[in-house]
């Protein structure tokens, strides 16, 4: 992921969901990183999963039915 590349984040109900999501997404060879949730998005769970916005549909497909997540937000 380059700095100029648009990014998105997936927010989760818990840290354990975020950790499970990272494992699932990385298993599909998608570059992602756990980061602190930007305060303007939420204060519920402390971490979120960041990835390229171009992969948001693929990430949603990977997580659907396996991990509960609130929403994907564009950064």
C-alpha atoms as a PDB file:
ATOM      1  CA  UNK A   1       0.000   0.000   0.000  1.00  0.00           C
ATOM      2  CA  UNK A   2       1.383   3.376  -0.906  1.00  0.00           C
ATOM      3  CA  UNK A   3       0.691   6.545   1.019  1.00  0.00           C
ATOM      4  CA  UNK A   4      -1.096   8.054  -1.991  1.00  0.00           C
ATOM      5  CA  UNK A   5      -3.354   5.069  -2.482  1.00  0.00           C
ATOM      6  CA  UNK A   6      -6.875   5.581  -1.150  1.00  0.00           C
ATOM      7  CA  UNK A   7      -7.565   3.491   1.901  1.00  0.00           C
ATOM      8  CA  UNK A   8     -10.543   2.092   3.738  1.00  0.00           C
ATOM      9  CA  UNK A   9     -11.079   0.656   7.200  1.00  0.00           C
ATOM     10  CA  UNK A  10     -13.385  -2.015   8.549  1.00  0.00           C
ATOM     11  CA  UNK A  11     -14.745  -1.385  12.052  1.00  0.00           C
ATOM     12  CA  UNK A  12     -15.551  -4.284  14.361  1.00  0.00           C
ATOM     13  CA  UNK A  13     -17.494  -4.945  17.554  1.00  0.00           C
ATOM     14  CA  UNK A  14     -14.438  -6.230  19.404  1.00  0.00           C
ATOM     15  CA  UNK A  15     -10.676  -6.538  19.230  1.00  0.00           C
ATOM     16  CA  UNK A  16     -11.000 -10.306  18.804  1.00  0.00           C
ATOM     17  CA  UNK A  17     -13.148  -9.790  15.682  1.00  0.00           C
ATOM     18  CA  UNK A  18     -10.540  -7.399  14.278  1.00  0.00           C
ATOM     19  CA  UNK A  19      -7.761  -9.947  14.894  1.00  0.00           C
ATOM     20  CA  UNK A  20      -9.780 -12.733  13.241  1.00  0.00           C
ATOM     21  CA  UNK A  21     -10.545 -10.482  10.270  1.00  0.00           C
ATOM     22  CA  UNK A  22      -6.871  -9.647   9.799  1.00  0.00           C
ATOM     23  CA  UNK A  23      -6.021 -13.345   9.722  1.00  0.00           C
ATOM     24  CA  UNK A  24      -8.740 -14.096   7.136  1.00  0.00           C
ATOM     25  CA  UNK A  25      -7.824 -11.191   4.874  1.00  0.00           C
ATOM     26  CA  UNK A  26      -4.071 -11.873   5.009  1.00  0.00           C
ATOM     27  CA  UNK A  27      -4.748 -15.537   4.185  1.00  0.00           C
ATOM     28  CA  UNK A  28      -6.098 -14.283   0.847  1.00  0.00           C
ATOM     29  CA  UNK A  29      -2.810 -12.411   0.187  1.00  0.00           C
ATOM     30  CA  UNK A  30      -4.412  -9.002   0.678  1.00  0.00           C
ATOM     31  CA  UNK A  31      -2.217  -6.337   2.243  1.00  0.00           C
ATOM     32  CA  UNK A  32      -3.842  -5.000   5.393  1.00  0.00           C
ATOM     33  CA  UNK A  33      -2.882  -3.613   8.765  1.00  0.00           C
ATOM     34  CA  UNK A  34      -4.518  -3.236  12.158  1.00  0.00           C
ATOM     35  CA  UNK A  35      -4.513   0.419  13.218  1.00  0.00           C
ATOM     36  CA  UNK A  36      -6.164   2.508  15.946  1.00  0.00           C
ATOM     37  CA  UNK A  37      -9.697   3.497  14.985  1.00  0.00           C
ATOM     38  CA  UNK A  38      -9.779   7.130  13.846  1.00  0.00           C
ATOM     39  CA  UNK A  39     -11.697   9.006  16.552  1.00  0.00           C
ATOM     40  CA  UNK A  40     -14.033  10.629  14.018  1.00  0.00           C
ATOM     41  CA  UNK A  41     -15.332   7.163  13.092  1.00  0.00           C
ATOM     42  CA  UNK A  42     -15.899   5.407  16.412  1.00  0.00           C
ATOM     43  CA  UNK A  43     -14.740   4.955  19.962  1.00  0.00           C
ATOM     44  CA  UNK A  44     -16.181   1.440  20.477  1.00  0.00           C
ATOM     45  CA  UNK A  45     -13.414  -1.001  19.565  1.00  0.00           C
ATOM     46  CA  UNK A  46      -9.860   0.291  19.749  1.00  0.00           C
ATOM     47  CA  UNK A  47      -8.569  -1.137  16.471  1.00  0.00           C
ATOM     48  CA  UNK A  48      -9.716  -1.455  12.885  1.00  0.00           C
ATOM     49  CA  UNK A  49      -8.426  -3.104   9.732  1.00  0.00           C
ATOM     50  CA  UNK A  50      -6.949  -0.804   7.057  1.00  0.00           C
ATOM     51  CA  UNK A  51      -6.627  -1.855   3.401  1.00  0.00           C
ATOM     52  CA  UNK A  52      -6.731  -0.430  -0.105  1.00  0.00           C
ATOM     53  CA  UNK A  53     -10.102   1.050  -1.037  1.00  0.00           C
ATOM     54  CA  UNK A  54      -9.892  -0.805  -4.353  1.00  0.00           C
ATOM     55  CA  UNK A  55     -10.218  -4.054  -2.366  1.00  0.00           C
ATOM     56  CA  UNK A  56     -13.181  -3.069  -0.197  1.00  0.00           C
ATOM     57  CA  UNK A  57     -15.663  -5.333  -2.010  1.00  0.00           C
ATOM     58  CA  UNK A  58     -13.251  -8.273  -1.827  1.00  0.00           C
ATOM     59  CA  UNK A  59     -12.601  -7.696   1.888  1.00  0.00           C
ATOM     60  CA  UNK A  60     -16.357  -7.466   2.553  1.00  0.00           C
ATOM     61  CA  UNK A  61     -16.840 -10.734   0.657  1.00  0.00           C
ATOM     62  CA  UNK A  62     -14.120 -12.463   2.709  1.00  0.00           C
ATOM     63  CA  UNK A  63     -15.569 -11.277   6.023  1.00  0.00           C
ATOM     64  CA  UNK A  64     -19.263 -11.709   5.232  1.00  0.00           C
ATOM     65  CA  UNK A  65     -20.767 -14.443   7.377  1.00  0.00           C
ATOM     66  CA  UNK A  66     -17.489 -15.107   9.189  1.00  0.00           C
ATOM     67  CA  UNK A  67     -16.849 -11.920  11.157  1.00  0.00           C
ATOM     68  CA  UNK A  68     -19.328  -9.413  12.502  1.00  0.00           C
ATOM     69  CA  UNK A  69     -18.295  -5.960  11.407  1.00  0.00           C
ATOM     70  CA  UNK A  70     -20.126  -2.681  11.573  1.00  0.00           C
ATOM     71  CA  UNK A  71     -19.147  -1.009   8.363  1.00  0.00           C
ATOM     72  CA  UNK A  72     -16.386  -0.235   5.935  1.00  0.00           C
ATOM     73  CA  UNK A  73     -15.421   3.444   5.845  1.00  0.00           C
ATOM     74  CA  UNK A  74     -13.320   5.266   3.274  1.00  0.00           C
ATOM     75  CA  UNK A  75     -10.431   7.317   4.640  1.00  0.00           C
END
